[in-house]
Amino acid sequence: GRIMMYTVPVGKPVRLLMTSTDVLHSLWIPDFRVKMDVVPGRYTSLWFEATEVGDYNLNCAEYCGMDHSKMFAIVHVVPEDEFEPAMIKLASEYEDMSIGQLPAYAINRLYARCKSCHSLDGSSRVGPTFKGLWDRVKGGNVKFTSGEILSGLLGENTLYIQPENYIRTSLVDPQEHIVQGYLGSMPSFQGQLKEKQITAIIEMFKHLNEVTDEAGNITVNPDGTPRD
């Protein structure tokens, strides 16, 4: 699968402000001689300054569960004059995409913010699995801690009217309705996601079987081409 990559400029201090939404982790970049615990319910930070252009391993140094071995990434250090153009391109890459291109973009670029709490293979984590989510939402088969059922909140003259509205609210105001069996620890993404990115996440749910396999592995690149 594709390895997560974090791009930073050479010769500039970089500070990471970190927290965990599930269990204790520890971010470790061996070549930079930095390591810091990432703790549920509180913030920790570390800083580093890369002195040479190149790629450097980033690992989790705290055993954190069955997916611990998958928690690695690359710190991609680029010349300073390449950093800002790269960030501008990355931040705006979705703007000209068609609706059909959005699921591949979302599963590759946005799901990383969700994966610690929401699985793609049906397994339960801090939050509900994304597998089959659209069918559950579209059918109204979601129960809330309030005792309400989503089916009663969909349709004309109801709170959500359309299932897409429920998903949007779950992203920007997740405490509005908490799914039964979960603690409601999801943070709000209000102001962090553009409207088209919210649309991309909704389209990802609708077409999840086209961008993942039965085991929950991502099968496409951000541009929609098949992964090797």
C-alpha atoms as a PDB file:
ATOM      1  CA  GLY A   1       0.000   0.000   0.000  1.00  0.00           C
ATOM      2  CA  ARG A   2       0.917   3.642  -0.252  1.00  0.00           C
ATOM      3  CA  ILE A   3       3.117   4.919   2.581  1.00  0.00           C
ATOM      4  CA  MET A   4       1.997   8.115   4.300  1.00  0.00           C
ATOM      5  CA  MET A   5       4.388  10.982   3.571  1.00  0.00           C
ATOM      6  CA  TYR A   6       4.884  14.255   5.443  1.00  0.00           C
ATOM      7  CA  THR A   7       6.654  16.976   3.471  1.00  0.00           C
ATOM      8  CA  VAL A   8       8.768  19.547   5.340  1.00  0.00           C
ATOM      9  CA  PRO A   9      11.315  22.183   4.250  1.00  0.00           C
ATOM     10  CA  VAL A  10      15.028  21.718   4.854  1.00  0.00           C
ATOM     11  CA  GLY A  11      16.699  24.082   7.306  1.00  0.00           C
ATOM     12  CA  LYS A  12      13.464  25.220   8.985  1.00  0.00           C
ATOM     13  CA  PRO A  13      12.265  24.296  12.492  1.00  0.00           C
ATOM     14  CA  VAL A  14       9.136  22.115  12.426  1.00  0.00           C
ATOM     15  CA  ARG A  15       6.942  21.753  15.512  1.00  0.00           C
ATOM     16  CA  LEU A  16       4.395  18.951  15.863  1.00  0.00           C
ATOM     17  CA  LEU A  17       1.453  19.358  18.247  1.00  0.00           C
ATOM     18  CA  MET A  18       0.036  15.905  18.879  1.00  0.00           C
ATOM     19  CA  THR A  19      -2.767  14.056  20.624  1.00  0.00           C
ATOM     20  CA  SER A  20      -4.302  10.590  20.339  1.00  0.00           C
ATOM     21  CA  THR A  21      -7.954   9.695  19.886  1.00  0.00           C
ATOM     22  CA  ASP A  22      -7.523   6.083  21.015  1.00  0.00           C
ATOM     23  CA  VAL A  23      -4.508   4.687  22.912  1.00  0.00           C
ATOM     24  CA  LEU A  24      -0.955   5.667  23.804  1.00  0.00           C
ATOM     25  CA  HIS A  25       1.423   6.022  20.849  1.00  0.00           C
ATOM     26  CA  SER A  26       4.975   7.333  20.547  1.00  0.00           C
ATOM     27  CA  LEU A  27       6.172   9.258  17.503  1.00  0.00           C
ATOM     28  CA  TRP A  28       9.794   8.469  16.694  1.00  0.00           C
ATOM     29  CA  ILE A  29      12.024   9.806  13.909  1.00  0.00           C
ATOM     30  CA  PRO A  30      15.336   7.980  14.491  1.00  0.00           C
ATOM     31  CA  ASP A  31      17.487  10.064  12.130  1.00  0.00           C
ATOM     32  CA  PHE A  32      16.435  13.280  13.863  1.00  0.00           C
ATOM     33  CA  ARG A  33      16.965  11.826  17.360  1.00  0.00           C
ATOM     34  CA  VAL A  34      13.446  12.800  18.457  1.00  0.00           C
ATOM     35  CA  LYS A  35      10.733  10.763  20.159  1.00  0.00           C
ATOM     36  CA  MET A  36       7.630  11.833  22.063  1.00  0.00           C
ATOM     37  CA  ASP A  37       4.597  10.049  23.504  1.00  0.00           C
ATOM     38  CA  VAL A  38       1.239  10.794  21.865  1.00  0.00           C
ATOM     39  CA  VAL A  39      -1.307  10.618  24.667  1.00  0.00           C
ATOM     40  CA  PRO A  40      -5.124  10.331  24.654  1.00  0.00           C
ATOM     41  CA  GLY A  41      -6.842  13.365  26.143  1.00  0.00           C
ATOM     42  CA  ARG A  42      -3.841  15.703  26.224  1.00  0.00           C
ATOM     43  CA  TYR A  43      -1.395  17.439  23.890  1.00  0.00           C
ATOM     44  CA  THR A  44       2.327  16.838  23.597  1.00  0.00           C
ATOM     45  CA  SER A  45       4.783  18.397  21.169  1.00  0.00           C
ATOM     46  CA  LEU A  46       8.224  17.975  19.693  1.00  0.00           C
ATOM     47  CA  TRP A  47      10.292  19.889  17.192  1.00  0.00           C
ATOM     48  CA  PHE A  48      13.046  19.087  14.731  1.00  0.00           C
ATOM     49  CA  GLU A  49      15.016  20.758  11.970  1.00  0.00           C
ATOM     50  CA  ALA A  50      16.085  18.667   9.000  1.00  0.00           C
ATOM     51  CA  THR A  51      19.539  19.622   7.756  1.00  0.00           C
ATOM     52  CA  GLU A  52      19.612  17.545   4.569  1.00  0.00           C
ATOM     53  CA  VAL A  53      17.140  16.907   1.756  1.00  0.00           C
ATOM     54  CA  GLY A  54      15.935  13.306   1.679  1.00  0.00           C
ATOM     55  CA  ASP A  55      13.451  10.784   3.054  1.00  0.00           C
ATOM     56  CA  TYR A  56      13.476   9.715   6.709  1.00  0.00           C
ATOM     57  CA  ASN A  57      11.510   7.016   8.532  1.00  0.00           C
ATOM     58  CA  LEU A  58       8.831   7.937  11.069  1.00  0.00           C
ATOM     59  CA  ASN A  59       7.613   5.134  13.356  1.00  0.00           C
ATOM     60  CA  CYS A  60       5.368   4.478  16.328  1.00  0.00           C
ATOM     61  CA  ALA A  61       7.655   3.331  19.148  1.00  0.00           C
ATOM     62  CA  GLU A  62       4.889   2.274  21.549  1.00  0.00           C
ATOM     63  CA  TYR A  63       3.064  -1.029  21.035  1.00  0.00           C
ATOM     64  CA  CYS A  64      -0.499   0.161  20.460  1.00  0.00           C
ATOM     65  CA  GLY A  65      -2.520  -2.797  19.198  1.00  0.00           C
ATOM     66  CA  MET A  66      -2.903  -5.099  16.227  1.00  0.00           C
ATOM     67  CA  ASP A  67      -2.180  -2.370  13.642  1.00  0.00           C
ATOM     68  CA  HIS A  68       1.012  -1.213  15.358  1.00  0.00           C
ATOM     69  CA  SER A  69       3.176  -2.631  12.566  1.00  0.00           C
ATOM     70  CA  LYS A  70       1.329  -0.455  10.038  1.00  0.00           C
ATOM     71  CA  MET A  71       2.077   2.789  11.880  1.00  0.00           C
ATOM     72  CA  PHE A  72       4.984   4.141   9.887  1.00  0.00           C
ATOM     73  CA  ALA A  73       5.484   7.017   7.485  1.00  0.00           C
ATOM     74  CA  ILE A  74       8.133   8.989   5.629  1.00  0.00           C
ATOM     75  CA  VAL A  75       9.306  12.514   6.444  1.00  0.00           C
ATOM     76  CA  HIS A  76      10.025  13.936   2.986  1.00  0.00           C
ATOM     77  CA  VAL A  77      12.483  16.843   3.257  1.00  0.00           C
ATOM     78  CA  VAL A  78      12.577  19.189   0.252  1.00  0.00           C
ATOM     79  CA  PRO A  79      14.440  22.425  -0.601  1.00  0.00           C
ATOM     80  CA  GLU A  80      12.739  25.488   0.839  1.00  0.00           C
ATOM     81  CA  ASP A  81      11.828  26.899  -2.583  1.00  0.00           C
ATOM     82  CA  GLU A  82       9.957  23.671  -3.430  1.00  0.00           C
ATOM     83  CA  PHE A  83       8.004  23.430  -0.189  1.00  0.00           C
ATOM     84  CA  GLU A  84       5.392  26.169  -0.612  1.00  0.00           C
ATOM     85  CA  PRO A  85       4.488  25.263  -4.233  1.00  0.00           C
ATOM     86  CA  ALA A  86       4.133  21.620  -3.165  1.00  0.00           C
ATOM     87  CA  MET A  87       1.783  22.569  -0.319  1.00  0.00           C
ATOM     88  CA  ILE A  88      -0.322  24.834  -2.545  1.00  0.00           C
ATOM     89  CA  LYS A  89      -0.676  22.065  -5.117  1.00  0.00           C
ATOM     90  CA  LEU A  90      -1.591  19.476  -2.486  1.00  0.00           C
ATOM     91  CA  ALA A  91      -4.117  21.748  -0.755  1.00  0.00           C
ATOM     92  CA  SER A  92      -5.977  22.554  -3.959  1.00  0.00           C
ATOM     93  CA  GLU A  93      -5.697  19.293  -5.903  1.00  0.00           C
ATOM     94  CA  TYR A  94      -9.361  18.377  -5.307  1.00  0.00           C
ATOM     95  CA  GLU A  95     -10.836  21.680  -6.523  1.00  0.00           C
ATOM     96  CA  ASP A  96     -11.067  20.731 -10.202  1.00  0.00           C
ATOM     97  CA  MET A  97     -12.028  17.101  -9.622  1.00  0.00           C
ATOM     98  CA  SER A  98     -15.329  15.728 -10.863  1.00  0.00           C
ATOM     99  CA  ILE A  99     -17.730  13.953  -8.507  1.00  0.00           C
ATOM    100  CA  GLY A 100     -16.507  10.638  -9.885  1.00  0.00           C
ATOM    101  CA  GLN A 101     -12.906  11.406  -8.921  1.00  0.00           C
ATOM    102  CA  LEU A 102     -13.660  12.378  -5.320  1.00  0.00           C
ATOM    103  CA  PRO A 103     -13.854   8.899  -3.695  1.00  0.00           C
ATOM    104  CA  ALA A 104     -10.253   8.072  -4.668  1.00  0.00           C
ATOM    105  CA  TYR A 105      -9.095  11.481  -3.442  1.00  0.00           C
ATOM    106  CA  ALA A 106     -10.924  11.110  -0.120  1.00  0.00           C
ATOM    107  CA  ILE A 107      -9.749   7.583   0.664  1.00  0.00           C
ATOM    108  CA  ASN A 108      -6.123   8.574   0.045  1.00  0.00           C
ATOM    109  CA  ARG A 109      -5.985  12.143   1.341  1.00  0.00           C
ATOM    110  CA  LEU A 110      -8.713  12.431   3.981  1.00  0.00           C
ATOM    111  CA  TYR A 111      -9.175   8.968   5.475  1.00  0.00           C
ATOM    112  CA  ALA A 112      -5.810   9.301   7.243  1.00  0.00           C
ATOM    113  CA  ARG A 113      -7.563  11.650   9.699  1.00  0.00           C
ATOM    114  CA  CYS A 114     -10.174   8.967  10.406  1.00  0.00           C
ATOM    115  CA  LYS A 115      -8.277   5.673  10.413  1.00  0.00           C
ATOM    116  CA  SER A 116      -7.325   5.549  14.093  1.00  0.00           C
ATOM    117  CA  CYS A 117     -11.033   5.511  15.036  1.00  0.00           C
ATOM    118  CA  HIS A 118     -12.850   4.092  11.987  1.00  0.00           C
ATOM    119  CA  SER A 119     -11.875   0.886  10.188  1.00  0.00           C
ATOM    120  CA  LEU A 120     -12.492  -0.068   6.562  1.00  0.00           C
ATOM    121  CA  ASP A 121     -12.803  -3.813   7.176  1.00  0.00           C
ATOM    122  CA  GLY A 122     -15.804  -4.003   9.507  1.00  0.00           C
ATOM    123  CA  SER A 123     -13.855  -4.197  12.765  1.00  0.00           C
ATOM    124  CA  SER A 124     -14.884  -1.971  15.657  1.00  0.00           C
ATOM    125  CA  ARG A 125     -12.601   0.787  16.912  1.00  0.00           C
ATOM    126  CA  VAL A 126     -13.277   3.961  18.886  1.00  0.00           C
ATOM    127  CA  GLY A 127     -15.963   4.799  16.315  1.00  0.00           C
ATOM    128  CA  PRO A 128     -18.174   2.799  13.922  1.00  0.00           C
ATOM    129  CA  THR A 129     -16.576   1.077  10.950  1.00  0.00           C
ATOM    130  CA  PHE A 130     -16.864   2.784   7.576  1.00  0.00           C
ATOM    131  CA  LYS A 131     -17.572  -0.552   5.897  1.00  0.00           C
ATOM    132  CA  GLY A 132     -21.254  -0.619   4.978  1.00  0.00           C
ATOM    133  CA  LEU A 133     -21.790   2.824   6.503  1.00  0.00           C
ATOM    134  CA  TRP A 134     -23.611   4.291   3.508  1.00  0.00           C
ATOM    135  CA  ASP A 135     -26.093   1.404   3.410  1.00  0.00           C
ATOM    136  CA  ARG A 136     -26.770   1.794   7.139  1.00  0.00           C
ATOM    137  CA  VAL A 137     -27.245   5.545   6.838  1.00  0.00           C
ATOM    138  CA  LYS A 138     -29.327   5.422   3.651  1.00  0.00           C
ATOM    139  CA  GLY A 139     -31.587   2.818   5.237  1.00  0.00           C
ATOM    140  CA  GLY A 140     -31.838   4.772   8.481  1.00  0.00           C
ATOM    141  CA  ASN A 141     -30.444   1.797  10.405  1.00  0.00           C
ATOM    142  CA  VAL A 142     -28.477   3.806  12.950  1.00  0.00           C
ATOM    143  CA  LYS A 143     -29.459   4.009  16.629  1.00  0.00           C
ATOM    144  CA  PHE A 144     -28.372   6.904  18.823  1.00  0.00           C
ATOM    145  CA  THR A 145     -27.661   7.195  22.537  1.00  0.00           C
ATOM    146  CA  SER A 146     -30.695   9.497  22.773  1.00  0.00           C
ATOM    147  CA  GLY A 147     -32.933   6.561  21.865  1.00  0.00           C
ATOM    148  CA  GLU A 148     -33.734   8.004  18.453  1.00  0.00           C
ATOM    149  CA  ILE A 149     -33.300   6.054  15.223  1.00  0.00           C
ATOM    150  CA  LEU A 150     -31.972   7.701  12.075  1.00  0.00           C
ATOM    151  CA  SER A 151     -34.915   6.476   9.986  1.00  0.00           C
ATOM    152  CA  GLY A 152     -37.135   8.827  11.984  1.00  0.00           C
ATOM    153  CA  LEU A 153     -34.903  11.773  11.105  1.00  0.00           C
ATOM    154  CA  LEU A 154     -34.870  11.242   7.337  1.00  0.00           C
ATOM    155  CA  GLY A 155     -37.539  12.335   4.881  1.00  0.00           C
ATOM    156  CA  GLU A 156     -39.613  15.453   4.309  1.00  0.00           C
ATOM    157  CA  ASN A 157     -40.093  17.789   7.287  1.00  0.00           C
ATOM    158  CA  THR A 158     -37.468  15.996   9.404  1.00  0.00           C
ATOM    159  CA  LEU A 159     -34.157  17.109  10.881  1.00  0.00           C
ATOM    160  CA  TYR A 160     -31.878  15.709   8.189  1.00  0.00           C
ATOM    161  CA  ILE A 161     -34.258  15.116   5.236  1.00  0.00           C
ATOM    162  CA  GLN A 162     -31.484  13.436   3.181  1.00  0.00           C
ATOM    163  CA  PRO A 163     -28.854  10.945   4.438  1.00  0.00           C
ATOM    164  CA  GLU A 164     -26.077  13.185   3.080  1.00  0.00           C
ATOM    165  CA  ASN A 165     -27.129  15.878   5.561  1.00  0.00           C
ATOM    166  CA  TYR A 166     -26.669  13.467   8.468  1.00  0.00           C
ATOM    167  CA  ILE A 167     -23.116  12.641   7.378  1.00  0.00           C
ATOM    168  CA  ARG A 168     -22.288  16.318   6.962  1.00  0.00           C
ATOM    169  CA  THR A 169     -23.573  17.069  10.472  1.00  0.00           C
ATOM    170  CA  SER A 170     -21.575  14.132  11.840  1.00  0.00           C
ATOM    171  CA  LEU A 171     -18.417  15.798  10.512  1.00  0.00           C
ATOM    172  CA  VAL A 172     -19.036  19.379  11.638  1.00  0.00           C
ATOM    173  CA  ASP A 173     -21.133  18.746  14.786  1.00  0.00           C
ATOM    174  CA  PRO A 174     -20.509  15.124  15.827  1.00  0.00           C
ATOM    175  CA  GLN A 175     -22.130  15.574  19.248  1.00  0.00           C
ATOM    176  CA  GLU A 176     -25.539  16.288  17.675  1.00  0.00           C
ATOM    177  CA  HIS A 177     -26.307  12.564  17.537  1.00  0.00           C
ATOM    178  CA  ILE A 178     -23.946   9.985  19.061  1.00  0.00           C
ATOM    179  CA  VAL A 179     -24.203   6.442  17.734  1.00  0.00           C
ATOM    180  CA  GLN A 180     -25.319   3.928  20.336  1.00  0.00           C
ATOM    181  CA  GLY A 181     -22.456   1.912  21.793  1.00  0.00           C
ATOM    182  CA  TYR A 182     -19.846   4.645  21.339  1.00  0.00           C
ATOM    183  CA  LEU A 183     -18.596   7.409  23.617  1.00  0.00           C
ATOM    184  CA  GLY A 184     -18.931  10.350  21.256  1.00  0.00           C
ATOM    185  CA  SER A 185     -15.254  11.298  21.377  1.00  0.00           C
ATOM    186  CA  MET A 186     -15.048  12.459  17.755  1.00  0.00           C
ATOM    187  CA  PRO A 187     -13.810  16.061  17.359  1.00  0.00           C
ATOM    188  CA  SER A 188     -15.521  18.554  15.076  1.00  0.00           C
ATOM    189  CA  PHE A 189     -14.040  19.204  11.639  1.00  0.00           C
ATOM    190  CA  GLN A 190     -15.864  22.525  11.345  1.00  0.00           C
ATOM    191  CA  GLY A 191     -13.545  24.930   9.531  1.00  0.00           C
ATOM    192  CA  GLN A 192     -11.004  22.190   8.798  1.00  0.00           C
ATOM    193  CA  LEU A 193     -12.762  20.743   5.760  1.00  0.00           C
ATOM    194  CA  LYS A 194     -13.905  22.672   2.715  1.00  0.00           C
ATOM    195  CA  GLU A 195     -17.396  21.923   1.412  1.00  0.00           C
ATOM    196  CA  LYS A 196     -16.020  19.962  -1.528  1.00  0.00           C
ATOM    197  CA  GLN A 197     -13.928  17.865   0.854  1.00  0.00           C
ATOM    198  CA  ILE A 198     -17.072  17.053   2.841  1.00  0.00           C
ATOM    199  CA  THR A 199     -18.705  16.061  -0.440  1.00  0.00           C
ATOM    200  CA  ALA A 200     -15.654  13.913  -1.194  1.00  0.00           C
ATOM    201  CA  ILE A 201     -16.043  12.030   2.099  1.00  0.00           C
ATOM    202  CA  ILE A 202     -19.738  11.434   1.413  1.00  0.00           C
ATOM    203  CA  GLU A 203     -18.909  10.133  -2.069  1.00  0.00           C
ATOM    204  CA  MET A 204     -16.222   7.904  -0.547  1.00  0.00           C
ATOM    205  CA  PHE A 205     -18.850   6.284   1.681  1.00  0.00           C
ATOM    206  CA  LYS A 206     -21.162   5.750  -1.291  1.00  0.00           C
ATOM    207  CA  HIS A 207     -18.435   4.103  -3.369  1.00  0.00           C
ATOM    208  CA  LEU A 208     -16.271   2.499  -0.685  1.00  0.00           C
ATOM    209  CA  ASN A 209     -16.360  -0.890  -2.411  1.00  0.00           C
ATOM    210  CA  GLU A 210     -14.811   0.730  -5.497  1.00  0.00           C
ATOM    211  CA  VAL A 211     -11.772   2.105  -3.650  1.00  0.00           C
ATOM    212  CA  THR A 212     -11.194  -0.706  -1.107  1.00  0.00           C
ATOM    213  CA  ASP A 213     -11.268  -4.496  -1.144  1.00  0.00           C
ATOM    214  CA  GLU A 214     -13.120  -6.862   1.196  1.00  0.00           C
ATOM    215  CA  ALA A 215     -10.242  -6.793   3.678  1.00  0.00           C
ATOM    216  CA  GLY A 216     -10.345  -3.000   3.874  1.00  0.00           C
ATOM    217  CA  ASN A 217      -7.201  -2.384   1.833  1.00  0.00           C
ATOM    218  CA  ILE A 218      -7.155   0.768  -0.306  1.00  0.00           C
ATOM    219  CA  THR A 219      -7.015  -0.273  -3.962  1.00  0.00           C
ATOM    220  CA  VAL A 220      -6.636   3.037  -5.827  1.00  0.00           C
ATOM    221  CA  ASN A 221      -4.223   5.955  -5.944  1.00  0.00           C
ATOM    222  CA  PRO A 222      -5.383   9.563  -5.381  1.00  0.00           C
ATOM    223  CA  ASP A 223      -5.877   9.979  -9.141  1.00  0.00           C
ATOM    224  CA  GLY A 224      -8.073   6.873  -9.326  1.00  0.00           C
ATOM    225  CA  THR A 225      -5.554   4.580 -10.994  1.00  0.00           C
ATOM    226  CA  PRO A 226      -5.208   1.069  -9.496  1.00  0.00           C
ATOM    227  CA  ARG A 227      -2.534   0.544  -6.872  1.00  0.00           C
ATOM    228  CA  ASP A 228       0.233  -1.905  -7.665  1.00  0.00           C
END
